[in-house]
Protein backbone atom coordinates (compact mmCIF):
# COMPACT_ATOMS: atom_id res chain seq x y z
CA MET A 1 74.36 -10.03 20.78
CA GLY A 2 72.31 -12.97 21.39
CA LEU A 3 68.75 -12.91 20.88
CA THR A 4 66.41 -13.97 23.45
CA LEU A 5 63.23 -15.81 22.42
CA THR A 6 60.34 -14.69 24.86
CA LYS A 7 57.16 -16.35 25.49
CA ARG A 8 54.34 -13.96 25.26
CA ARG A 9 51.30 -14.99 26.87
CA PHE A 10 48.05 -13.71 25.79
CA PHE A 11 45.79 -12.61 28.02
CA GLN A 12 43.08 -15.40 28.89
CA ARG A 13 39.52 -13.89 30.16
CA PRO A 14 37.55 -15.80 32.71
CA ARG A 15 35.25 -18.59 30.77
CA ALA A 16 32.07 -16.93 32.59
CA LYS A 17 32.95 -13.42 31.56
CA THR A 18 33.41 -14.82 27.95
CA ALA A 19 29.88 -16.62 28.15
CA VAL A 20 28.12 -13.16 29.69
CA VAL A 21 29.96 -11.40 26.70
CA LEU A 22 28.45 -13.80 24.14
CA ALA A 23 24.96 -14.05 25.69
CA VAL A 24 24.88 -10.24 25.59
CA GLY A 25 25.89 -10.17 22.12
CA ALA A 26 23.47 -12.88 21.29
CA ALA A 27 20.47 -11.09 22.94
CA ALA A 28 21.23 -7.60 21.12
CA LEU A 29 21.49 -9.97 17.73
CA ALA A 30 18.39 -11.51 18.57
CA TYR A 31 16.65 -8.41 19.47
CA PHE A 32 17.51 -6.30 16.33
CA GLY A 33 16.84 -9.30 14.09
CA PHE A 34 13.20 -9.71 15.52
CA HIS A 35 12.47 -5.91 15.17
CA ALA A 36 14.16 -6.23 11.50
CA ILE A 37 11.59 -8.60 10.68
CA ASN A 38 8.64 -7.76 12.65
CA GLY A 39 9.24 -3.98 13.82
CA GLN A 40 7.28 -1.17 12.60
CA ARG A 41 9.81 -0.44 9.59
CA GLY A 42 10.63 -4.29 9.42
CA LEU A 43 10.09 -6.81 6.25
CA VAL A 44 6.68 -7.53 7.28
CA ALA A 45 5.44 -4.32 7.49
CA TRP A 46 6.96 -3.58 4.25
CA PHE A 47 5.28 -6.07 2.05
CA GLN A 48 1.93 -4.76 4.29
CA VAL A 49 2.82 -1.19 2.68
CA GLY A 50 3.65 -2.68 -0.82
CA GLN A 51 0.31 -4.78 -0.80
CA ARG A 52 -1.90 -1.25 0.57
CA ILE A 53 0.04 0.63 -2.33
CA GLU A 54 -1.20 -2.03 -4.96
CA GLN A 55 -4.86 -1.84 -3.50
CA LEU A 56 -4.59 1.69 -3.79
CA GLU A 57 -3.39 2.28 -7.25
CA ASN A 58 -6.27 -0.40 -8.28
CA ARG A 59 -8.82 1.56 -6.34
CA TYR A 60 -7.31 4.78 -8.24
CA ILE A 61 -7.89 3.38 -11.81
CA LEU A 62 -11.43 2.59 -10.70
CA ASN A 63 -12.05 5.94 -10.07
CA GLN A 64 -10.48 7.20 -13.38
CA THR A 65 -12.85 5.17 -15.07
CA ARG A 66 -15.81 6.37 -13.00
CA ILE A 67 -14.72 10.18 -13.47
CA GLU A 68 -14.32 9.75 -17.01
CA THR A 69 -17.83 8.06 -17.57
CA LEU A 70 -19.22 11.35 -15.73
CA GLU A 71 -17.18 13.57 -17.75
CA ARG A 72 -18.76 12.05 -20.94
CA SER A 73 -22.30 12.27 -19.51
CA VAL A 74 -21.82 15.62 -18.30
CA SER A 75 -20.25 16.85 -22.07
CA LEU A 76 -23.40 15.49 -23.37
CA LEU A 77 -25.53 18.06 -21.63
CA ARG A 78 -23.37 20.87 -22.13
CA VAL A 79 -24.88 24.04 -23.99
CA GLU A 80 -22.48 23.94 -27.07
CA SER A 81 -23.11 19.89 -27.55
CA LEU A 82 -26.60 19.79 -25.90
CA ASP A 83 -27.92 16.35 -27.03
CA PRO A 84 -31.66 16.23 -27.19
CA ASP A 85 -32.08 12.37 -26.48
CA MET A 86 -29.82 12.82 -23.68
CA LEU A 87 -31.73 15.88 -22.09
CA ASP A 88 -35.06 14.33 -22.47
CA GLU A 89 -33.60 10.82 -20.88
CA ARG A 90 -31.99 12.76 -17.62
CA SER A 91 -35.42 14.79 -17.29
CA ARG A 92 -37.46 11.74 -17.59
CA HIS A 93 -35.25 9.89 -15.03
CA ILE A 94 -35.14 12.74 -12.73
CA LEU A 95 -38.96 14.18 -12.61
CA GLY A 96 -40.02 10.48 -13.01
CA LEU A 97 -41.97 11.36 -16.18
CA ALA A 98 -43.02 8.93 -19.10
CA HIS A 99 -45.57 8.63 -22.00
CA PRO A 100 -48.62 6.36 -21.43
CA ASP A 101 -47.12 4.55 -24.54
CA GLU A 102 -43.76 4.13 -23.21
CA ILE A 103 -41.91 0.93 -22.22
CA ILE A 104 -39.79 1.69 -19.09
CA ILE A 105 -36.71 -0.80 -18.93
CA LEU A 106 -34.71 -0.03 -15.57
CA HIS A 107 -31.10 -1.15 -15.12
CA GLN A 108 -29.26 -0.65 -11.87
């Protein structure tokens, strides 16, 4: 028995069809690549969200500091630890009263 060698021919597409397939693939790659960078959930949006988180964290820290300051002021006005000087200061400030011989220094 003899072995016969046969030439196997590969299917060749027309060049125009190959060019269309490549163009469609390149267009799809460009479309998805553009939206991966500039889209609503792309890299640019991701960096913007990171910056927004940093801004809000800084704002949170600032607000926490303000809250702690106010809580200290309120604690001085509680019945258990009422500070007469603090009470006098707040009442004069709210009512706008002062003795004629006092020097008033306002700071804002």
